[in-house]
């Protein structure tokens, strides 16, 4: 395999990818030491309350679908979405665009009204 080859880890099928994390050292730390170590990482600073307040909220499609008690197929059919798109969103291969985010927000707030409007 060349250095430019991208491989994907498949949980349950592939061996665990190599980790550079020293888990023994981490488990030996107190919570305060772990927080201090995480806070000292200049490439991965913790989010502040201001950061969190201004962050865009991404709907968790799988959780929404499960709250509605639907399979991927039922969710896709009910809301006129391509099944492949629903799968891609749930598996993180793609993200909903602005119109899809608007639809998902409305589904989250009033799923019955959306389903009724689309079935008419």
N, C-alpha and C. Protein backbone atom coordinates (compact mmCIF):
# COMPACT_ATOMS: atom_id res chain seq x y z
N UNK A 1 0.83 -1.17 0.00
CA UNK A 1 0.00 0.00 0.00
C UNK A 1 0.88 1.24 0.00
N UNK A 2 0.56 2.22 -0.84
CA UNK A 2 1.37 3.43 -0.88
C UNK A 2 1.02 4.33 0.30
N UNK A 3 1.87 5.33 0.55
CA UNK A 3 1.63 6.26 1.65
C UNK A 3 0.41 7.12 1.42
N UNK A 4 -0.01 7.29 0.16
CA UNK A 4 -1.15 8.14 -0.15
C UNK A 4 -2.48 7.39 -0.08
N UNK A 5 -2.46 6.11 0.20
CA UNK A 5 -3.68 5.32 0.27
C UNK A 5 -4.43 5.62 1.56
N UNK A 6 -5.71 5.90 1.43
CA UNK A 6 -6.55 6.14 2.60
C UNK A 6 -7.29 4.85 2.92
N UNK A 7 -7.18 4.40 4.15
CA UNK A 7 -7.92 3.23 4.56
C UNK A 7 -8.94 3.65 5.60
N UNK A 8 -10.07 3.00 5.60
CA UNK A 8 -11.12 3.31 6.56
C UNK A 8 -11.21 2.19 7.58
N UNK A 9 -11.33 2.58 8.82
CA UNK A 9 -11.48 1.63 9.93
C UNK A 9 -12.93 1.19 9.97
N UNK A 10 -13.14 -0.10 9.98
CA UNK A 10 -14.49 -0.64 10.05
C UNK A 10 -14.65 -1.37 11.39
N UNK A 11 -15.34 -0.73 12.36
CA UNK A 11 -15.50 -1.37 13.67
C UNK A 11 -16.11 -2.75 13.53
N UNK A 12 -15.57 -3.68 14.28
CA UNK A 12 -16.08 -5.05 14.26
C UNK A 12 -15.46 -5.91 13.17
N UNK A 13 -14.85 -5.27 12.16
CA UNK A 13 -14.26 -6.06 11.08
C UNK A 13 -12.76 -5.88 11.00
N UNK A 14 -12.27 -4.71 11.31
CA UNK A 14 -10.85 -4.42 11.21
C UNK A 14 -10.22 -4.41 12.60
N UNK A 15 -8.93 -4.71 12.65
CA UNK A 15 -8.26 -4.55 13.95
C UNK A 15 -8.25 -3.08 14.32
N UNK A 16 -8.17 -2.81 15.60
CA UNK A 16 -8.14 -1.41 16.07
C UNK A 16 -6.96 -0.68 15.45
N UNK A 17 -7.19 0.56 15.02
CA UNK A 17 -6.07 1.32 14.48
C UNK A 17 -5.06 1.62 15.60
N UNK A 18 -3.80 1.79 15.20
CA UNK A 18 -2.78 2.12 16.18
C UNK A 18 -3.12 3.44 16.84
N UNK A 19 -2.89 3.52 18.14
CA UNK A 19 -3.16 4.74 18.88
C UNK A 19 -1.88 5.26 19.49
N UNK A 20 -1.70 6.57 19.47
CA UNK A 20 -0.53 7.18 20.09
C UNK A 20 -0.83 7.57 21.54
N UNK A 21 -2.04 7.28 21.99
CA UNK A 21 -2.44 7.64 23.35
C UNK A 21 -1.81 6.69 24.35
N UNK A 22 -1.21 7.25 25.37
CA UNK A 22 -0.65 6.46 26.47
C UNK A 22 -1.76 6.28 27.50
N UNK A 23 -2.59 5.25 27.31
CA UNK A 23 -3.76 5.03 28.14
C UNK A 23 -3.39 4.78 29.59
N UNK A 24 -2.30 4.07 29.85
CA UNK A 24 -1.89 3.81 31.23
C UNK A 24 -1.60 5.12 31.96
N UNK A 25 -0.92 6.03 31.27
CA UNK A 25 -0.62 7.34 31.86
C UNK A 25 -1.89 8.13 32.12
N UNK A 26 -2.81 8.08 31.16
CA UNK A 26 -4.07 8.81 31.31
C UNK A 26 -4.89 8.26 32.48
N UNK A 27 -4.98 6.95 32.59
CA UNK A 27 -5.76 6.34 33.68
C UNK A 27 -5.14 6.61 35.05
N UNK A 28 -3.83 6.85 35.08
CA UNK A 28 -3.15 7.14 36.35
C UNK A 28 -3.36 8.58 36.79
N UNK A 29 -3.87 9.45 35.90
CA UNK A 29 -4.06 10.87 36.23
C UNK A 29 -5.34 11.08 37.02
N UNK A 30 -5.33 12.13 37.83
CA UNK A 30 -6.57 12.56 38.48
C UNK A 30 -7.38 13.32 37.43
N UNK A 31 -8.64 13.58 37.72
CA UNK A 31 -9.47 14.35 36.79
C UNK A 31 -8.86 15.74 36.56
N UNK A 32 -8.35 16.34 37.64
CA UNK A 32 -7.76 17.67 37.52
C UNK A 32 -6.53 17.65 36.62
N UNK A 33 -5.68 16.63 36.76
CA UNK A 33 -4.49 16.51 35.91
C UNK A 33 -4.87 16.29 34.45
N UNK A 34 -5.88 15.48 34.22
CA UNK A 34 -6.33 15.22 32.85
C UNK A 34 -6.89 16.50 32.23
N UNK A 35 -7.68 17.27 32.99
CA UNK A 35 -8.22 18.54 32.50
C UNK A 35 -7.09 19.52 32.17
N UNK A 36 -6.08 19.58 33.06
CA UNK A 36 -4.95 20.48 32.83
C UNK A 36 -4.18 20.07 31.58
N UNK A 37 -3.98 18.78 31.39
CA UNK A 37 -3.26 18.29 30.21
C UNK A 37 -4.05 18.60 28.94
N UNK A 38 -5.36 18.40 28.98
CA UNK A 38 -6.19 18.69 27.81
C UNK A 38 -6.18 20.19 27.51
N UNK A 39 -6.23 21.01 28.55
CA UNK A 39 -6.23 22.46 28.37
C UNK A 39 -4.92 23.01 27.84
N UNK A 40 -3.84 22.25 28.01
CA UNK A 40 -2.53 22.74 27.56
C UNK A 40 -2.26 22.39 26.09
N UNK A 41 -3.15 21.66 25.45
CA UNK A 41 -2.99 21.29 24.05
C UNK A 41 -3.41 22.46 23.17
N UNK A 42 -2.45 23.18 22.63
CA UNK A 42 -2.75 24.39 21.85
C UNK A 42 -3.49 24.10 20.54
N UNK A 43 -3.45 22.87 20.08
CA UNK A 43 -4.14 22.53 18.84
C UNK A 43 -5.57 22.06 19.08
N UNK A 44 -5.95 21.89 20.33
CA UNK A 44 -7.28 21.38 20.63
C UNK A 44 -7.79 22.01 21.93
N UNK A 45 -7.92 23.33 21.91
CA UNK A 45 -8.35 24.03 23.11
C UNK A 45 -9.82 23.73 23.40
N UNK A 46 -10.18 23.65 24.67
CA UNK A 46 -11.59 23.40 25.02
C UNK A 46 -12.46 24.58 24.58
N UNK A 47 -13.71 24.29 24.27
CA UNK A 47 -14.63 25.33 23.87
C UNK A 47 -15.08 26.13 25.09
N UNK A 48 -15.17 27.42 24.93
CA UNK A 48 -15.67 28.28 26.00
C UNK A 48 -17.19 28.31 25.93
N UNK A 49 -17.84 28.85 26.93
CA UNK A 49 -19.30 29.01 26.91
C UNK A 49 -19.72 29.88 25.74
N UNK A 50 -18.91 30.91 25.41
CA UNK A 50 -19.22 31.79 24.28
C UNK A 50 -19.13 31.01 22.96
N UNK A 51 -18.12 30.13 22.84
CA UNK A 51 -17.99 29.29 21.65
C UNK A 51 -19.22 28.40 21.49
N UNK A 52 -19.63 27.79 22.59
CA UNK A 52 -20.77 26.89 22.56
C UNK A 52 -22.06 27.63 22.21
N UNK A 53 -22.19 28.87 22.73
CA UNK A 53 -23.41 29.65 22.48
C UNK A 53 -23.54 30.04 21.02
N UNK A 54 -22.43 30.22 20.32
CA UNK A 54 -22.48 30.64 18.91
C UNK A 54 -22.32 29.49 17.93
N UNK A 55 -22.10 28.29 18.43
CA UNK A 55 -21.91 27.13 17.54
C UNK A 55 -23.23 26.77 16.87
N UNK A 56 -23.14 26.38 15.61
CA UNK A 56 -24.33 25.93 14.90
C UNK A 56 -24.71 24.55 15.39
N UNK A 57 -25.98 24.35 15.64
CA UNK A 57 -26.47 23.07 16.10
C UNK A 57 -26.75 22.17 14.90
N UNK A 58 -26.13 21.01 14.90
CA UNK A 58 -26.39 20.04 13.84
C UNK A 58 -27.39 19.01 14.36
N UNK A 59 -28.46 18.77 13.63
CA UNK A 59 -29.40 17.76 14.11
C UNK A 59 -28.74 16.37 14.07
N UNK A 60 -29.04 15.58 15.04
CA UNK A 60 -28.55 14.21 15.08
C UNK A 60 -29.65 13.36 14.44
N UNK A 61 -29.50 13.10 13.16
CA UNK A 61 -30.55 12.48 12.36
C UNK A 61 -30.95 11.12 12.90
N UNK A 62 -29.96 10.31 13.27
CA UNK A 62 -30.27 8.96 13.77
C UNK A 62 -31.09 9.04 15.06
N UNK A 63 -30.71 9.95 15.96
CA UNK A 63 -31.45 10.10 17.22
C UNK A 63 -32.87 10.58 16.95
N UNK A 64 -33.04 11.52 16.02
CA UNK A 64 -34.36 12.01 15.65
C UNK A 64 -35.21 10.86 15.10
N UNK A 65 -34.64 10.12 14.18
CA UNK A 65 -35.37 8.99 13.58
C UNK A 65 -35.75 7.97 14.63
N UNK A 66 -34.84 7.66 15.55
CA UNK A 66 -35.12 6.68 16.59
C UNK A 66 -36.19 7.18 17.55
N UNK A 67 -36.17 8.48 17.88
CA UNK A 67 -37.22 9.05 18.74
C UNK A 67 -38.59 8.89 18.10
N UNK A 68 -38.61 8.96 16.77
CA UNK A 68 -39.87 8.80 16.05
C UNK A 68 -40.25 7.34 15.87
N UNK A 69 -39.35 6.43 16.27
CA UNK A 69 -39.62 4.99 16.16
C UNK A 69 -39.66 4.50 14.73
N UNK A 70 -38.83 5.07 13.88
CA UNK A 70 -38.83 4.72 12.46
C UNK A 70 -37.53 4.06 12.04
N UNK A 71 -37.62 3.20 11.04
CA UNK A 71 -36.43 2.69 10.38
C UNK A 71 -35.94 3.76 9.42
N UNK A 72 -34.75 3.56 8.88
CA UNK A 72 -34.24 4.51 7.88
C UNK A 72 -35.20 4.59 6.68
N UNK A 73 -35.68 3.44 6.26
CA UNK A 73 -36.58 3.39 5.11
C UNK A 73 -37.88 4.15 5.39
N UNK A 74 -38.45 3.94 6.58
CA UNK A 74 -39.70 4.62 6.93
C UNK A 74 -39.48 6.13 7.01
N UNK A 75 -38.38 6.55 7.62
CA UNK A 75 -38.07 7.97 7.76
C UNK A 75 -37.92 8.60 6.37
N UNK A 76 -37.15 7.95 5.52
CA UNK A 76 -36.91 8.47 4.17
C UNK A 76 -38.23 8.56 3.39
N UNK A 77 -39.04 7.53 3.46
CA UNK A 77 -40.30 7.52 2.72
C UNK A 77 -41.26 8.58 3.27
N UNK A 78 -41.38 8.67 4.58
CA UNK A 78 -42.31 9.62 5.21
C UNK A 78 -41.99 11.07 4.88
N UNK A 79 -40.71 11.39 4.78
CA UNK A 79 -40.31 12.78 4.58
C UNK A 79 -39.70 13.03 3.20
N UNK A 80 -39.95 12.08 2.27
CA UNK A 80 -39.53 12.21 0.87
C UNK A 80 -38.04 12.50 0.72
N UNK A 81 -37.25 11.72 1.42
CA UNK A 81 -35.80 11.84 1.35
C UNK A 81 -35.23 10.57 0.70
N UNK A 82 -34.20 10.69 -0.10
CA UNK A 82 -33.57 9.48 -0.64
C UNK A 82 -32.95 8.66 0.50
N UNK A 83 -33.19 7.36 0.49
CA UNK A 83 -32.66 6.50 1.54
C UNK A 83 -31.15 6.59 1.64
N UNK A 84 -30.48 6.68 0.52
CA UNK A 84 -29.02 6.79 0.52
C UNK A 84 -28.55 8.06 1.22
N UNK A 85 -29.32 9.13 1.06
CA UNK A 85 -28.98 10.39 1.71
C UNK A 85 -29.11 10.27 3.22
N UNK A 86 -30.19 9.65 3.68
CA UNK A 86 -30.39 9.44 5.12
C UNK A 86 -29.24 8.60 5.68
N UNK A 87 -28.87 7.54 4.97
CA UNK A 87 -27.76 6.69 5.42
C UNK A 87 -26.45 7.49 5.48
N UNK A 88 -26.20 8.29 4.44
CA UNK A 88 -24.97 9.09 4.41
C UNK A 88 -24.92 10.08 5.56
N UNK A 89 -26.05 10.71 5.87
CA UNK A 89 -26.10 11.65 6.99
C UNK A 89 -25.81 10.93 8.30
N UNK A 90 -26.47 9.81 8.50
CA UNK A 90 -26.32 9.08 9.76
C UNK A 90 -24.90 8.55 9.94
N UNK A 91 -24.26 8.17 8.86
CA UNK A 91 -22.92 7.60 8.94
C UNK A 91 -21.83 8.65 8.80
N UNK A 92 -22.22 9.91 8.67
CA UNK A 92 -21.25 10.99 8.61
C UNK A 92 -20.52 11.15 7.29
N UNK A 93 -21.01 10.49 6.25
CA UNK A 93 -20.36 10.61 4.94
C UNK A 93 -20.69 11.94 4.27
N UNK A 94 -21.83 12.52 4.64
CA UNK A 94 -22.21 13.84 4.13
C UNK A 94 -23.03 14.55 5.21
N UNK A 95 -23.21 15.84 5.00
CA UNK A 95 -23.97 16.65 5.95
C UNK A 95 -25.14 17.28 5.22
N UNK A 96 -26.25 17.46 5.91
CA UNK A 96 -27.41 18.09 5.27
C UNK A 96 -27.08 19.52 4.85
N UNK A 97 -27.59 19.92 3.66
CA UNK A 97 -27.42 21.30 3.21
C UNK A 97 -28.49 22.16 3.89
N UNK A 98 -28.51 23.45 3.58
CA UNK A 98 -29.42 24.38 4.26
C UNK A 98 -30.90 24.00 4.14
N UNK A 99 -31.41 23.67 2.94
CA UNK A 99 -32.82 23.28 2.85
C UNK A 99 -33.12 21.99 3.65
N UNK A 100 -32.19 21.04 3.61
CA UNK A 100 -32.40 19.80 4.37
C UNK A 100 -32.38 20.07 5.86
N UNK A 101 -31.49 20.97 6.32
CA UNK A 101 -31.46 21.33 7.73
C UNK A 101 -32.77 21.97 8.15
N UNK A 102 -33.33 22.81 7.28
CA UNK A 102 -34.62 23.43 7.59
C UNK A 102 -35.70 22.36 7.72
N UNK A 103 -35.74 21.42 6.79
CA UNK A 103 -36.72 20.34 6.85
C UNK A 103 -36.53 19.51 8.13
N UNK A 104 -35.30 19.16 8.45
CA UNK A 104 -35.03 18.37 9.65
C UNK A 104 -35.43 19.11 10.92
N UNK A 105 -35.24 20.42 10.94
CA UNK A 105 -35.65 21.21 12.10
C UNK A 105 -37.16 21.17 12.26
N UNK A 106 -37.89 21.31 11.16
CA UNK A 106 -39.36 21.27 11.22
C UNK A 106 -39.82 19.87 11.62
N UNK A 107 -39.18 18.84 11.08
CA UNK A 107 -39.53 17.46 11.46
C UNK A 107 -39.32 17.27 12.95
N UNK A 108 -38.21 17.80 13.47
CA UNK A 108 -37.91 17.66 14.89
C UNK A 108 -38.98 18.32 15.76
N UNK A 109 -39.49 19.45 15.30
CA UNK A 109 -40.46 20.20 16.10
C UNK A 109 -41.89 19.71 15.95
N UNK A 110 -42.26 19.24 14.74
CA UNK A 110 -43.63 18.78 14.54
C UNK A 110 -43.67 17.72 13.45
N UNK A 111 -43.21 16.52 13.76
CA UNK A 111 -43.09 15.47 12.74
C UNK A 111 -44.42 15.06 12.12
N UNK A 112 -45.49 15.05 12.91
CA UNK A 112 -46.79 14.63 12.37
C UNK A 112 -47.30 15.62 11.32
N UNK A 113 -47.13 16.91 11.58
CA UNK A 113 -47.60 17.93 10.62
C UNK A 113 -46.83 17.81 9.31
N UNK A 114 -45.52 17.57 9.38
CA UNK A 114 -44.72 17.44 8.17
C UNK A 114 -45.16 16.22 7.38
N UNK A 115 -45.33 15.09 8.06
CA UNK A 115 -45.76 13.87 7.38
C UNK A 115 -47.12 14.04 6.75
N UNK A 116 -48.05 14.70 7.46
CA UNK A 116 -49.40 14.94 6.91
C UNK A 116 -49.33 15.85 5.69
N UNK A 117 -48.54 16.91 5.79
CA UNK A 117 -48.43 17.85 4.66
C UNK A 117 -47.84 17.18 3.43
N UNK A 118 -46.88 16.31 3.64
CA UNK A 118 -46.24 15.63 2.50
C UNK A 118 -47.08 14.50 1.95
N UNK A 119 -47.99 13.94 2.74
CA UNK A 119 -48.81 12.84 2.24
C UNK A 119 -50.05 13.33 1.52
N UNK A 120 -50.38 14.61 1.67
CA UNK A 120 -51.58 15.16 1.02
C UNK A 120 -51.41 15.30 -0.47
